[in-house]
Each structure stands twice: as C-alpha cells, then as structure tokens.
Amino acid sequence: MHGPDPFGWVGAIIDDQFAVAGVAGEGSFGVVYRATHLGLDVPVAIKCLKVPPGLQDRERPALLATFRGEARLLHQLSRRSAGIVQALAVGSATSPARVWTPYIVMEWLEGETLERDLKRRLDAELPRRTLDGALDLLATAASALAVAHEEGVVHRDVKP
C-alpha cells in the first residue's frame, strides 16, 4: 500500500467488479487505488472523489452527474490521443468506511515519474538529456494537452 486509505477500500471489491489492492496516490480532490477489473482480469486505476464535507444526500445526484460528465469527456479525449488515459467505467458506491464515493475506473499505466527518471539517471551517472531528448520526452504530453485544449478543456493538475 502506498499511503493511508481514507475510504477503507483496500482489500474490498467495488460494485462486484473491481478488487482493490492498494493506494497508488492521494491528492486534494481524491485517492487513486490500484485494483483488478475482475471481468477482464487486468489492472486498473480507480480514482475516488473526496466529497466536500457537508454535502447533503439531496446534492449527490447533481455531483454524480457532473462527475459522470467529466468521465465521459475523459473517455472521448482518450479516443483522440494515446497520451490520454482511458476511462473505463464511472459510478458511486458506499465504502467499507461508510463514505459515499463517486469513482472513475481508468486503465492502469506502468511507468515512472519524471522525478524518478531524473534520480535514476543521476544515480547511474548517465549524461543529462539533450534538448532533443527532453523534447521527445515531453512531446506525448504536449500533444495530449493540445487535444484537450482543442476541446476547450484546461487541465489544472498536470503531473510530471
């Protein structure tokens, strides 16, 4: 497990479809879990939204509708660029910690962060990247952001 599990999903199964193995990361708006899609037997990432404190039960449908709209947009964008993670499912469930949890299931992508890449290169005493090498590294991300911007989407949380 990567970190704390505020929803209690680790070791549980979401909606009889997704077996949650551990926390992959946490941000201010949500927690990402590594899980297995039981029907397809493939690893997936499940992003669980942190619901604002004080959200009333009557406000849940509107929040879930907005969240579903974001998942649909992600799905549409991912069909235009291999550099955008695919949304596979969207829903909500009550977690073992009794927290109502909207979630998006996405493809699991293996890789390393830019920080790890730079540290690995430094530790291995490899030369710094050339400008062309750096541009090649960033080209896929820039292309994916261009697709999003063409659709009027501004991504405010780009991670290295």
Protein backbone atom coordinates (compact mmCIF):
# COMPACT_ATOMS: atom_id res chain seq x y z
CA MET A 1 0.00 0.00 0.00
CA HIS A 2 1.28 3.46 -0.94
CA GLY A 3 -0.34 5.53 1.78
CA PRO A 4 -3.38 5.90 4.02
CA ASP A 5 -6.73 4.56 2.89
CA PRO A 6 -9.33 7.17 3.91
CA PHE A 7 -12.24 5.27 2.33
CA GLY A 8 -11.29 1.78 3.52
CA TRP A 9 -11.37 0.31 0.00
CA VAL A 10 -8.10 -1.69 0.24
CA GLY A 11 -8.99 -5.39 0.30
CA ALA A 12 -12.60 -4.70 -0.74
CA ILE A 13 -14.45 -5.14 -4.01
CA ILE A 14 -16.23 -2.15 -5.55
CA ASP A 15 -19.58 -2.89 -7.21
CA ASP A 16 -18.76 -6.61 -7.55
CA GLN A 17 -16.29 -5.71 -10.33
CA PHE A 18 -13.08 -4.18 -9.01
CA ALA A 19 -10.83 -5.81 -6.39
CA VAL A 20 -8.85 -3.05 -4.67
CA ALA A 21 -5.23 -3.93 -3.90
CA GLY A 22 -3.78 -0.70 -2.54
CA VAL A 23 -3.49 3.07 -2.57
CA ALA A 24 -1.46 4.36 -5.51
CA GLY A 25 -1.64 8.05 -4.61
CA GLU A 26 -3.65 10.77 -2.98
CA GLY A 27 -4.33 14.38 -3.86
CA SER A 28 -6.50 17.15 -2.54
CA PHE A 29 -9.53 16.03 -4.61
CA GLY A 30 -9.25 12.26 -4.50
CA VAL A 31 -7.50 8.97 -3.87
CA VAL A 32 -6.25 6.69 -6.64
CA TYR A 33 -6.29 2.96 -5.96
CA ARG A 34 -4.64 0.13 -7.86
CA ALA A 35 -7.21 -2.59 -8.47
CA THR A 36 -8.06 -5.52 -10.72
CA HIS A 37 -11.01 -5.49 -13.08
CA LEU A 38 -12.46 -8.90 -12.23
CA GLY A 39 -14.31 -9.37 -15.52
CA LEU A 40 -11.32 -8.56 -17.72
CA ASP A 41 -8.58 -9.68 -15.30
CA VAL A 42 -6.49 -6.56 -15.94
CA PRO A 43 -5.05 -3.96 -13.57
CA VAL A 44 -6.96 -0.69 -13.35
CA ALA A 45 -6.69 2.62 -11.53
CA ILE A 46 -9.73 3.78 -9.59
CA LYS A 47 -9.93 7.47 -8.79
CA CYS A 48 -12.27 8.05 -5.85
CA LEU A 49 -13.50 11.59 -5.36
CA LYS A 50 -13.24 13.19 -1.94
CA VAL A 51 -16.75 14.53 -1.44
CA PRO A 52 -16.89 18.01 0.07
CA PRO A 53 -17.75 17.94 3.78
CA GLY A 54 -21.34 18.80 4.46
CA LEU A 55 -22.64 17.59 1.09
CA GLN A 56 -26.31 16.77 1.61
CA ASP A 57 -27.82 13.50 0.34
CA ARG A 58 -30.10 15.52 -1.97
CA GLU A 59 -26.98 17.07 -3.59
CA ARG A 60 -25.42 13.72 -4.50
CA PRO A 61 -27.24 13.21 -7.84
CA ALA A 62 -26.03 16.57 -9.18
CA LEU A 63 -22.45 15.92 -8.06
CA LEU A 64 -22.53 12.45 -9.59
CA ALA A 65 -23.95 13.83 -12.86
CA THR A 66 -21.09 16.34 -13.07
CA PHE A 67 -18.56 13.61 -12.24
CA ARG A 68 -20.05 11.34 -14.92
CA GLY A 69 -19.79 14.19 -17.41
CA GLU A 70 -16.09 14.52 -16.62
CA ALA A 71 -15.63 10.76 -17.09
CA ARG A 72 -17.41 10.89 -20.46
CA LEU A 73 -15.19 13.79 -21.53
CA LEU A 74 -12.08 11.85 -20.47
CA HIS A 75 -13.31 8.85 -22.45
CA GLN A 76 -13.90 10.98 -25.55
CA LEU A 77 -10.50 12.67 -25.28
CA SER A 78 -8.71 9.34 -24.78
CA ARG A 79 -10.14 8.12 -28.07
CA ARG A 80 -8.35 11.01 -29.79
CA SER A 81 -4.94 10.57 -28.18
CA ALA A 82 -2.97 7.58 -26.90
CA GLY A 83 -1.39 10.04 -24.47
CA ILE A 84 -4.64 10.40 -22.50
CA VAL A 85 -5.60 7.65 -20.07
CA GLN A 86 -8.79 5.75 -20.94
CA ALA A 87 -11.84 5.98 -18.71
CA LEU A 88 -13.40 2.51 -18.47
CA ALA A 89 -16.27 2.98 -16.02
CA VAL A 90 -17.84 5.51 -13.68
CA GLY A 91 -20.12 5.08 -10.68
CA SER A 92 -20.53 5.51 -6.96
CA ALA A 93 -20.55 3.17 -4.01
CA THR A 94 -20.51 3.33 -0.24
CA SER A 95 -17.07 2.35 1.03
CA PRO A 96 -16.30 0.00 3.92
CA ALA A 97 -15.61 3.17 5.97
CA ARG A 98 -19.27 4.14 5.21
CA VAL A 99 -18.29 7.02 2.90
CA TRP A 100 -20.28 7.65 -0.27
CA THR A 101 -17.64 7.52 -3.00
CA PRO A 102 -18.02 8.59 -6.63
CA TYR A 103 -15.32 6.86 -8.71
CA ILE A 104 -13.84 6.64 -12.19
CA VAL A 105 -12.14 3.42 -13.32
CA MET A 106 -9.24 4.03 -15.71
CA GLU A 107 -6.64 1.93 -17.46
CA TRP A 108 -3.58 1.27 -15.31
CA LEU A 109 -0.42 2.67 -16.85
CA GLU A 110 3.02 1.43 -15.84
CA GLY A 111 5.83 3.92 -15.81
CA GLU A 112 7.84 6.23 -13.68
CA THR A 113 7.56 9.87 -12.73
CA LEU A 114 9.91 12.45 -14.18
CA GLU A 115 11.39 12.84 -10.69
CA ARG A 116 12.24 9.10 -10.53
CA ASP A 117 13.62 9.15 -14.07
CA LEU A 118 15.91 12.07 -13.25
CA LYS A 119 17.06 10.45 -9.99
CA ARG A 120 17.71 7.11 -11.72
CA ARG A 121 19.76 8.84 -14.41
CA LEU A 122 21.71 10.80 -11.79
CA ASP A 123 22.37 7.68 -9.66
CA ALA A 124 23.54 5.77 -12.74
CA GLU A 125 25.79 8.70 -13.65
CA LEU A 126 24.16 8.95 -17.07
CA PRO A 127 24.62 12.17 -19.02
CA ARG A 128 21.95 14.84 -18.90
CA ARG A 129 19.32 14.68 -21.58
CA THR A 130 19.95 16.66 -24.71
CA LEU A 131 17.41 19.29 -25.72
CA ASP A 132 16.10 16.91 -28.42
CA GLY A 133 15.85 14.12 -25.82
CA ALA A 134 13.89 16.37 -23.45
CA LEU A 135 11.57 17.45 -26.27
CA ASP A 136 10.95 13.82 -27.24
CA LEU A 137 10.10 13.03 -23.63
CA LEU A 138 7.59 15.88 -23.43
CA ALA A 139 6.07 15.54 -26.92
CA THR A 140 3.40 12.97 -25.98
CA ALA A 141 2.22 15.03 -23.01
CA ALA A 142 2.19 18.23 -25.06
CA SER A 143 0.22 16.50 -27.82
CA ALA A 144 -2.33 15.18 -25.30
CA LEU A 145 -2.72 18.64 -23.76
CA ALA A 146 -3.24 20.09 -27.24
CA VAL A 147 -6.11 17.62 -27.84
CA ALA A 148 -7.69 18.69 -24.55
CA HIS A 149 -7.25 22.38 -25.34
CA GLU A 150 -8.85 21.90 -28.77
CA GLU A 151 -11.95 20.73 -26.88
CA GLY A 152 -11.84 23.76 -24.57
CA VAL A 153 -10.54 21.73 -21.62
CA VAL A 154 -7.94 23.28 -19.35
CA HIS A 155 -6.04 20.73 -17.26
CA ARG A 156 -5.05 22.33 -13.99
CA ASP A 157 -3.21 19.39 -12.46
CA VAL A 158 -0.56 18.15 -14.89
CA LYS A 159 1.84 15.81 -13.10
CA PRO A 160 5.47 15.21 -14.11
